[in-house]
Amino acid sequence: MSHAALVAALQRGNPFVHSTVMFRNHLVRALGGFRAALEAAEDYDLWLRIAERARVGNLPETLVQYRTHPQSVTGRKEVRMAFSARLARRAAAERQAGRPDPLDALTAPPDWRTMRADAFFGADARDFRLLEFADPEAAALDPASLDREVLKGLATRLDHDERRLAQRALLQFLSRRDRPSWLSRPRLLALFFTLHPARAIQLLARAPRAEP
């Protein structure tokens, strides 16, 4: 792929496999290397910043075998990775607009559960307070803490990976008796199918029988 094509691809996701990347040491040092605030997506954030300062390329040959498994970072920190990737894209958009990078002041991964609504990433945090219910360990979370406005326009704000997480989160709500009244079954099902109809059918077919 050409530099221009890869720059465009980076706005949607990560087109590089970390273990295959080669770069100029002095450039990465000048950029500050990986940033702690982007937990599980430090590499994606770095590729975005490199592409703003240098040309990038992808070799056409397959030169590595990549194995995925449930205990990988991708498997264990799926929601955190998606959140960090969104913040990386938002920060890139600010830099490209000539504004300061909002992540420069962060020295640790931000907590979407406690982030104020008027913070720069406040709207993103609101979305991820919903998406974190996709995590298998989210059974202990209280749906009553969600902002009831979060479902409005949600489908337009999510990328492909986030939509997958959102459908898993909505599926969990469908099976819970403690969900707030505004998370009505018809409303959940409508959004569930809007996000990805084919995947919705597959998820419902595999899911335990939902409680009314």
Foldseek 3Di string as FASTA:
>chain_A
DFQVVCLVVLLFHDPDDVVPDDDDPVVCVVVVHFAQQLPPCSVSLSVNVVSVPDGDDDDPDDDDDDDDDCPDCCNQVVLSNQLSSVLSSVQSVCVVVVHHRPCPPDRHHDQLLPDDCPDPCNLSSLLSVQLVLLDPPCPPPQQVSHDLCNVVCVLVPDHLSSLVSNLSSLVVVQQDPRHDPSNDPVSSVVSNCVNPVVVSVVVVVPDDDGDD
